[in-house]
All heavy atoms as atom14 arrays in JSON, in Angstrom:
{
  "sequence": "MDSGVNIEDTTGNSRNVVSFVIYGFHTQLSLTRLQ",
  "atom14_mask": [
    [1, 1, 1, 1, 1, 1, 1, 1, 0, 0, 0, 0, 0, 0],
    [1, 1, 1, 1, 1, 1, 1, 1, 0, 0, 0, 0, 0, 0],
    [1, 1, 1, 1, 1, 1, 0, 0, 0, 0, 0, 0, 0, 0],
    [1, 1, 1, 1, 0, 0, 0, 0, 0, 0, 0, 0, 0, 0],
    [1, 1, 1, 1, 1, 1, 1, 0, 0, 0, 0, 0, 0, 0],
    [1, 1, 1, 1, 1, 1, 1, 1, 0, 0, 0, 0, 0, 0],
    [1, 1, 1, 1, 1, 1, 1, 1, 0, 0, 0, 0, 0, 0],
    [1, 1, 1, 1, 1, 1, 1, 1, 1, 0, 0, 0, 0, 0],
    [1, 1, 1, 1, 1, 1, 1, 1, 0, 0, 0, 0, 0, 0],
    [1, 1, 1, 1, 1, 1, 1, 0, 0, 0, 0, 0, 0, 0],
    [1, 1, 1, 1, 1, 1, 1, 0, 0, 0, 0, 0, 0, 0],
    [1, 1, 1, 1, 0, 0, 0, 0, 0, 0, 0, 0, 0, 0],
    [1, 1, 1, 1, 1, 1, 1, 1, 0, 0, 0, 0, 0, 0],
    [1, 1, 1, 1, 1, 1, 0, 0, 0, 0, 0, 0, 0, 0],
    [1, 1, 1, 1, 1, 1, 1, 1, 1, 1, 1, 0, 0, 0],
    [1, 1, 1, 1, 1, 1, 1, 1, 0, 0, 0, 0, 0, 0],
    [1, 1, 1, 1, 1, 1, 1, 0, 0, 0, 0, 0, 0, 0],
    [1, 1, 1, 1, 1, 1, 1, 0, 0, 0, 0, 0, 0, 0],
    [1, 1, 1, 1, 1, 1, 0, 0, 0, 0, 0, 0, 0, 0],
    [1, 1, 1, 1, 1, 1, 1, 1, 1, 1, 1, 0, 0, 0],
    [1, 1, 1, 1, 1, 1, 1, 0, 0, 0, 0, 0, 0, 0],
    [1, 1, 1, 1, 1, 1, 1, 1, 0, 0, 0, 0, 0, 0],
    [1, 1, 1, 1, 1, 1, 1, 1, 1, 1, 1, 1, 0, 0],
    [1, 1, 1, 1, 0, 0, 0, 0, 0, 0, 0, 0, 0, 0],
    [1, 1, 1, 1, 1, 1, 1, 1, 1, 1, 1, 0, 0, 0],
    [1, 1, 1, 1, 1, 1, 1, 1, 1, 1, 0, 0, 0, 0],
    [1, 1, 1, 1, 1, 1, 1, 0, 0, 0, 0, 0, 0, 0],
    [1, 1, 1, 1, 1, 1, 1, 1, 1, 0, 0, 0, 0, 0],
    [1, 1, 1, 1, 1, 1, 1, 1, 0, 0, 0, 0, 0, 0],
    [1, 1, 1, 1, 1, 1, 0, 0, 0, 0, 0, 0, 0, 0],
    [1, 1, 1, 1, 1, 1, 1, 1, 0, 0, 0, 0, 0, 0],
    [1, 1, 1, 1, 1, 1, 1, 0, 0, 0, 0, 0, 0, 0],
    [1, 1, 1, 1, 1, 1, 1, 1, 1, 1, 1, 0, 0, 0],
    [1, 1, 1, 1, 1, 1, 1, 1, 0, 0, 0, 0, 0, 0],
    [1, 1, 1, 1, 1, 1, 1, 1, 1, 0, 0, 0, 0, 0]
  ],
  "atom14_positions": [
    [[57.9, -9.14, -5.7], [57.7, -9.91, -4.47], [59.02, -10.12, -3.72], [60.09, -10.1, -4.3], [57.08, -11.27, -4.78], [55.62, -11.2, -5.13], [54.6, -10.63, -3.77], [54.16, -9.0, -4.32], [0.0, 0.0, 0.0], [0.0, 0.0, 0.0], [0.0, 0.0, 0.0], [0.0, 0.0, 0.0], [0.0, 0.0, 0.0], [0.0, 0.0, 0.0]],
    [[58.89, -10.32, -2.42], [60.04, -10.59, -1.58], [60.7, -11.91, -1.98], [60.03, -12.81, -2.49], [59.62, -10.66, -0.11], [59.03, -9.35, 0.38], [59.54, -8.3, -0.04], [58.07, -9.39, 1.16], [0.0, 0.0, 0.0], [0.0, 0.0, 0.0], [0.0, 0.0, 0.0], [0.0, 0.0, 0.0], [0.0, 0.0, 0.0], [0.0, 0.0, 0.0]],
    [[61.98, -12.04, -1.72], [62.73, -13.21, -2.2], [62.34, -14.51, -1.5], [62.44, -15.57, -2.08], [64.22, -12.97, -2.04], [64.53, -12.77, -0.68], [0.0, 0.0, 0.0], [0.0, 0.0, 0.0], [0.0, 0.0, 0.0], [0.0, 0.0, 0.0], [0.0, 0.0, 0.0], [0.0, 0.0, 0.0], [0.0, 0.0, 0.0], [0.0, 0.0, 0.0]],
    [[61.87, -14.48, -0.26], [61.56, -15.7, 0.47], [60.14, -16.18, 0.34], [59.72, -17.08, 1.06], [0.0, 0.0, 0.0], [0.0, 0.0, 0.0], [0.0, 0.0, 0.0], [0.0, 0.0, 0.0], [0.0, 0.0, 0.0], [0.0, 0.0, 0.0], [0.0, 0.0, 0.0], [0.0, 0.0, 0.0], [0.0, 0.0, 0.0], [0.0, 0.0, 0.0]],
    [[59.38, -15.63, -0.58], [57.95, -15.94, -0.7], [57.75, -17.18, -1.57], [58.36, -17.32, -2.62], [57.2, -14.73, -1.31], [55.76, -15.06, -1.6], [57.28, -13.54, -0.4], [0.0, 0.0, 0.0], [0.0, 0.0, 0.0], [0.0, 0.0, 0.0], [0.0, 0.0, 0.0], [0.0, 0.0, 0.0], [0.0, 0.0, 0.0], [0.0, 0.0, 0.0]],
    [[56.87, -18.08, -1.12], [56.47, -19.22, -1.93], [55.2, -18.86, -2.67], [54.2, -18.5, -2.06], [56.22, -20.45, -1.05], [57.48, -20.93, -0.39], [58.56, -20.83, -0.95], [57.34, -21.45, 0.81], [0.0, 0.0, 0.0], [0.0, 0.0, 0.0], [0.0, 0.0, 0.0], [0.0, 0.0, 0.0], [0.0, 0.0, 0.0], [0.0, 0.0, 0.0]],
    [[55.23, -18.98, -3.99], [54.1, -18.57, -4.82], [53.61, -19.76, -5.61], [54.39, -20.46, -6.26], [54.52, -17.43, -5.78], [55.04, -16.24, -4.98], [53.35, -17.03, -6.66], [55.69, -15.17, -5.81], [0.0, 0.0, 0.0], [0.0, 0.0, 0.0], [0.0, 0.0, 0.0], [0.0, 0.0, 0.0], [0.0, 0.0, 0.0], [0.0, 0.0, 0.0]],
    [[52.29, -19.98, -5.56], [51.67, -21.02, -6.37], [51.55, -20.51, -7.8], [51.45, -19.31, -8.02], [50.3, -21.36, -5.82], [49.64, -22.54, -6.52], [48.31, -22.87, -5.89], [48.29, -23.26, -4.72], [47.3, -22.71, -6.59], [0.0, 0.0, 0.0], [0.0, 0.0, 0.0], [0.0, 0.0, 0.0], [0.0, 0.0, 0.0], [0.0, 0.0, 0.0]],
    [[51.54, -21.43, -8.74], [51.45, -21.04, -10.14], [50.26, -20.12, -10.39], [49.26, -20.17, -9.71], [51.38, -22.27, -11.05], [50.2, -23.17, -10.72], [49.63, -23.02, -9.62], [49.87, -24.01, -11.54], [0.0, 0.0, 0.0], [0.0, 0.0, 0.0], [0.0, 0.0, 0.0], [0.0, 0.0, 0.0], [0.0, 0.0, 0.0], [0.0, 0.0, 0.0]],
    [[50.42, -19.3, -11.38], [49.4, -18.3, -11.69], [48.24, -18.93, -12.43], [48.39, -19.93, -13.12], [49.99, -17.18, -12.56], [50.46, -17.76, -13.78], [51.13, -16.5, -11.85], [0.0, 0.0, 0.0], [0.0, 0.0, 0.0], [0.0, 0.0, 0.0], [0.0, 0.0, 0.0], [0.0, 0.0, 0.0], [0.0, 0.0, 0.0], [0.0, 0.0, 0.0]],
    [[47.09, -18.34, -12.25], [45.92, -18.79, -12.98], [45.28, -17.59, -13.66], [45.08, -16.56, -13.04], [44.88, -19.44, -12.04], [44.56, -18.5, -11.01], [45.41, -20.7, -11.42], [0.0, 0.0, 0.0], [0.0, 0.0, 0.0], [0.0, 0.0, 0.0], [0.0, 0.0, 0.0], [0.0, 0.0, 0.0], [0.0, 0.0, 0.0], [0.0, 0.0, 0.0]],
    [[45.01, -17.72, -14.91], [44.32, -16.66, -15.64], [42.83, -16.92, -15.6], [42.34, -17.81, -16.28], [0.0, 0.0, 0.0], [0.0, 0.0, 0.0], [0.0, 0.0, 0.0], [0.0, 0.0, 0.0], [0.0, 0.0, 0.0], [0.0, 0.0, 0.0], [0.0, 0.0, 0.0], [0.0, 0.0, 0.0], [0.0, 0.0, 0.0], [0.0, 0.0, 0.0]],
    [[42.11, -16.16, -14.77], [40.67, -16.36, -14.64], [39.93, -15.9, -15.88], [38.93, -16.47, -16.25], [40.15, -15.61, -13.41], [40.76, -16.11, -12.13], [41.21, -17.23, -12.08], [40.77, -15.27, -11.12], [0.0, 0.0, 0.0], [0.0, 0.0, 0.0], [0.0, 0.0, 0.0], [0.0, 0.0, 0.0], [0.0, 0.0, 0.0], [0.0, 0.0, 0.0]],
    [[40.39, -14.86, -16.48], [39.82, -14.36, -17.72], [40.93, -13.67, -18.48], [42.09, -13.73, -18.08], [38.66, -13.4, -17.43], [39.14, -12.21, -16.84], [0.0, 0.0, 0.0], [0.0, 0.0, 0.0], [0.0, 0.0, 0.0], [0.0, 0.0, 0.0], [0.0, 0.0, 0.0], [0.0, 0.0, 0.0], [0.0, 0.0, 0.0], [0.0, 0.0, 0.0]],
    [[40.57, -13.01, -19.54], [41.59, -12.37, -20.37], [42.34, -11.26, -19.66], [43.48, -10.98, -19.96], [40.9, -11.79, -21.61], [41.66, -11.99, -22.87], [40.9, -11.45, -24.02], [41.08, -9.99, -24.01], [40.67, -9.2, -24.96], [40.02, -9.68, -25.97], [40.89, -7.91, -24.9], [0.0, 0.0, 0.0], [0.0, 0.0, 0.0], [0.0, 0.0, 0.0]],
    [[41.68, -10.62, -18.7], [42.3, -9.47, -18.06], [42.44, -9.6, -16.54], [42.57, -8.61, -15.85], [41.53, -8.19, -18.4], [40.11, -8.22, -17.91], [39.6, -9.28, -17.55], [39.46, -7.09, -17.89], [0.0, 0.0, 0.0], [0.0, 0.0, 0.0], [0.0, 0.0, 0.0], [0.0, 0.0, 0.0], [0.0, 0.0, 0.0], [0.0, 0.0, 0.0]],
    [[42.45, -10.83, -16.02], [42.64, -11.05, -14.59], [43.67, -12.17, -14.39], [43.58, -13.21, -15.02], [41.33, -11.43, -13.88], [41.58, -11.76, -12.41], [40.31, -10.33, -14.01], [0.0, 0.0, 0.0], [0.0, 0.0, 0.0], [0.0, 0.0, 0.0], [0.0, 0.0, 0.0], [0.0, 0.0, 0.0], [0.0, 0.0, 0.0], [0.0, 0.0, 0.0]],
    [[44.64, -11.91, -13.51], [45.63, -12.91, -13.15], [45.59, -13.06, -11.64], [45.51, -12.07, -10.91], [47.05, -12.48, -13.6], [48.08, -13.5, -13.18], [47.1, -12.27, -15.09], [0.0, 0.0, 0.0], [0.0, 0.0, 0.0], [0.0, 0.0, 0.0], [0.0, 0.0, 0.0], [0.0, 0.0, 0.0], [0.0, 0.0, 0.0], [0.0, 0.0, 0.0]],
    [[45.63, -14.31, -11.14], [45.59, -14.57, -9.7], [46.83, -15.33, -9.27], [47.35, -16.16, -10.01], [44.36, -15.38, -9.32], [43.19, -14.65, -9.61], [0.0, 0.0, 0.0], [0.0, 0.0, 0.0], [0.0, 0.0, 0.0], [0.0, 0.0, 0.0], [0.0, 0.0, 0.0], [0.0, 0.0, 0.0], [0.0, 0.0, 0.0], [0.0, 0.0, 0.0]],
    [[47.29, -15.02, -8.06], [48.43, -15.69, -7.46], [48.04, -16.1, -6.04], [47.23, -15.45, -5.41], [49.64, -14.74, -7.36], [50.07, -14.15, -8.66], [49.55, -12.95, -9.1], [51.01, -14.8, -9.44], [49.95, -12.4, -10.3], [51.41, -14.25, -10.64], [50.89, -13.05, -11.06], [0.0, 0.0, 0.0], [0.0, 0.0, 0.0], [0.0, 0.0, 0.0]],
    [[48.64, -17.17, -5.54], [48.47, -17.56, -4.14], [49.85, -17.54, -3.51], [50.77, -18.21, -3.98], [47.83, -18.95, -4.0], [47.74, -19.34, -2.54], [46.46, -18.98, -4.65], [0.0, 0.0, 0.0], [0.0, 0.0, 0.0], [0.0, 0.0, 0.0], [0.0, 0.0, 0.0], [0.0, 0.0, 0.0], [0.0, 0.0, 0.0], [0.0, 0.0, 0.0]],
    [[49.97, -16.73, -2.45], [51.24, -16.6, -1.74], [51.13, -17.38, -0.44], [50.17, -17.21, 0.31], [51.55, -15.13, -1.43], [51.75, -14.36, -2.73], [52.78, -15.01, -0.56], [51.97, -12.88, -2.52], [0.0, 0.0, 0.0], [0.0, 0.0, 0.0], [0.0, 0.0, 0.0], [0.0, 0.0, 0.0], [0.0, 0.0, 0.0], [0.0, 0.0, 0.0]],
    [[52.11, -18.24, -0.18], [52.16, -18.99, 1.07], [53.26, -18.4, 1.93], [54.39, -18.26, 1.49], [52.44, -20.46, 0.8], [51.34, -21.14, 0.03], [51.45, -21.31, -1.34], [50.19, -21.56, 0.67], [50.42, -21.91, -2.06], [49.17, -22.16, -0.03], [49.29, -22.33, -1.4], [48.28, -22.92, -2.1], [0.0, 0.0, 0.0], [0.0, 0.0, 0.0]],
    [[52.92, -18.05, 3.15], [53.91, -17.51, 4.07], [53.9, -16.0, 4.12], [52.92, -15.34, 3.78], [0.0, 0.0, 0.0], [0.0, 0.0, 0.0], [0.0, 0.0, 0.0], [0.0, 0.0, 0.0], [0.0, 0.0, 0.0], [0.0, 0.0, 0.0], [0.0, 0.0, 0.0], [0.0, 0.0, 0.0], [0.0, 0.0, 0.0], [0.0, 0.0, 0.0]],
    [[55.03, -15.45, 4.5], [55.18, -14.04, 4.79], [55.39, -13.22, 3.52], [56.12, -13.61, 2.64], [56.38, -13.87, 5.73], [56.67, -12.45, 6.1], [55.87, -11.8, 7.01], [57.73, -11.79, 5.53], [56.13, -10.49, 7.35], [58.01, -10.49, 5.87], [57.21, -9.83, 6.78], [0.0, 0.0, 0.0], [0.0, 0.0, 0.0], [0.0, 0.0, 0.0]],
    [[54.72, -12.09, 3.44], [54.99, -11.09, 2.41], [54.84, -9.72, 3.05], [54.15, -9.57, 4.06], [54.05, -11.23, 1.21], [52.62, -10.92, 1.53], [51.8, -11.83, 2.14], [51.89, -9.8, 1.34], [50.6, -11.28, 2.31], [50.63, -10.05, 1.85], [0.0, 0.0, 0.0], [0.0, 0.0, 0.0], [0.0, 0.0, 0.0], [0.0, 0.0, 0.0]],
    [[55.5, -8.72, 2.5], [55.48, -7.4, 3.11], [54.55, -6.46, 2.36], [54.29, -6.65, 1.17], [56.89, -6.77, 3.14], [57.34, -6.6, 1.79], [57.85, -7.65, 3.9], [0.0, 0.0, 0.0], [0.0, 0.0, 0.0], [0.0, 0.0, 0.0], [0.0, 0.0, 0.0], [0.0, 0.0, 0.0], [0.0, 0.0, 0.0], [0.0, 0.0, 0.0]],
    [[54.07, -5.47, 3.06], [53.26, -4.43, 2.43], [54.09, -3.66, 1.41], [53.57, -3.21, 0.4], [52.7, -3.48, 3.5], [51.77, -2.43, 2.96], [50.49, -3.02, 2.39], [49.97, -4.01, 2.89], [49.98, -2.41, 1.34], [0.0, 0.0, 0.0], [0.0, 0.0, 0.0], [0.0, 0.0, 0.0], [0.0, 0.0, 0.0], [0.0, 0.0, 0.0]],
    [[55.38, -3.55, 1.65], [56.27, -2.85, 0.72], [56.27, -3.52, -0.64], [56.24, -2.85, -1.67], [57.68, -2.78, 1.29], [58.73, -2.09, 0.41], [58.34, -0.64, 0.17], [60.09, -2.17, 1.05], [0.0, 0.0, 0.0], [0.0, 0.0, 0.0], [0.0, 0.0, 0.0], [0.0, 0.0, 0.0], [0.0, 0.0, 0.0], [0.0, 0.0, 0.0]],
    [[56.3, -4.86, -0.66], [56.31, -5.56, -1.95], [55.0, -5.34, -2.69], [54.99, -5.19, -3.91], [56.6, -7.04, -1.76], [55.6, -7.66, -0.99], [0.0, 0.0, 0.0], [0.0, 0.0, 0.0], [0.0, 0.0, 0.0], [0.0, 0.0, 0.0], [0.0, 0.0, 0.0], [0.0, 0.0, 0.0], [0.0, 0.0, 0.0], [0.0, 0.0, 0.0]],
    [[53.88, -5.31, -1.97], [52.59, -5.06, -2.62], [52.49, -3.63, -3.12], [51.95, -3.37, -4.2], [51.45, -5.37, -1.65], [51.32, -6.83, -1.22], [50.23, -6.98, -0.18], [51.07, -7.72, -2.42], [0.0, 0.0, 0.0], [0.0, 0.0, 0.0], [0.0, 0.0, 0.0], [0.0, 0.0, 0.0], [0.0, 0.0, 0.0], [0.0, 0.0, 0.0]],
    [[53.03, -2.68, -2.35], [53.03, -1.28, -2.79], [53.92, -1.11, -4.02], [53.55, -0.41, -4.96], [53.53, -0.37, -1.65], [52.69, -0.57, -0.52], [53.51, 1.08, -2.05], [0.0, 0.0, 0.0], [0.0, 0.0, 0.0], [0.0, 0.0, 0.0], [0.0, 0.0, 0.0], [0.0, 0.0, 0.0], [0.0, 0.0, 0.0], [0.0, 0.0, 0.0]],
    [[55.05, -1.77, -4.02], [55.95, -1.74, -5.18], [55.25, -2.29, -6.41], [55.34, -1.72, -7.51], [57.2, -2.56, -4.86], [58.3, -2.45, -5.86], [59.52, -3.28, -5.49], [59.8, -3.28, -4.07], [60.04, -4.38, -3.35], [60.05, -5.56, -3.92], [60.3, -4.31, -2.07], [0.0, 0.0, 0.0], [0.0, 0.0, 0.0], [0.0, 0.0, 0.0]],
    [[54.51, -3.38, -6.24], [53.76, -3.98, -7.34], [52.72, -3.01, -7.87], [52.6, -2.81, -9.09], [53.09, -5.26, -6.85], [52.15, -5.96, -7.82], [52.91, -6.47, -9.03], [51.42, -7.09, -7.13], [0.0, 0.0, 0.0], [0.0, 0.0, 0.0], [0.0, 0.0, 0.0], [0.0, 0.0, 0.0], [0.0, 0.0, 0.0], [0.0, 0.0, 0.0]],
    [[51.97, -2.38, -6.98], [50.94, -1.44, -7.39], [51.53, -0.25, -8.14], [51.01, 0.16, -9.17], [50.14, -0.96, -6.2], [49.0, -0.05, -6.58], [48.18, 0.38, -5.38], [48.67, 0.38, -4.25], [46.95, 0.73, -5.62], [0.0, 0.0, 0.0], [0.0, 0.0, 0.0], [0.0, 0.0, 0.0], [0.0, 0.0, 0.0], [0.0, 0.0, 0.0]]
  ]
}
């Protein structure tokens, strides 16, 4: 993720799913890098 992103704590919905909530700006490049 980009350095200026505010991220809410992660929640594990199940054993194989993780969710994040991003507040503010994020770039497509950071999501592509993650993928």
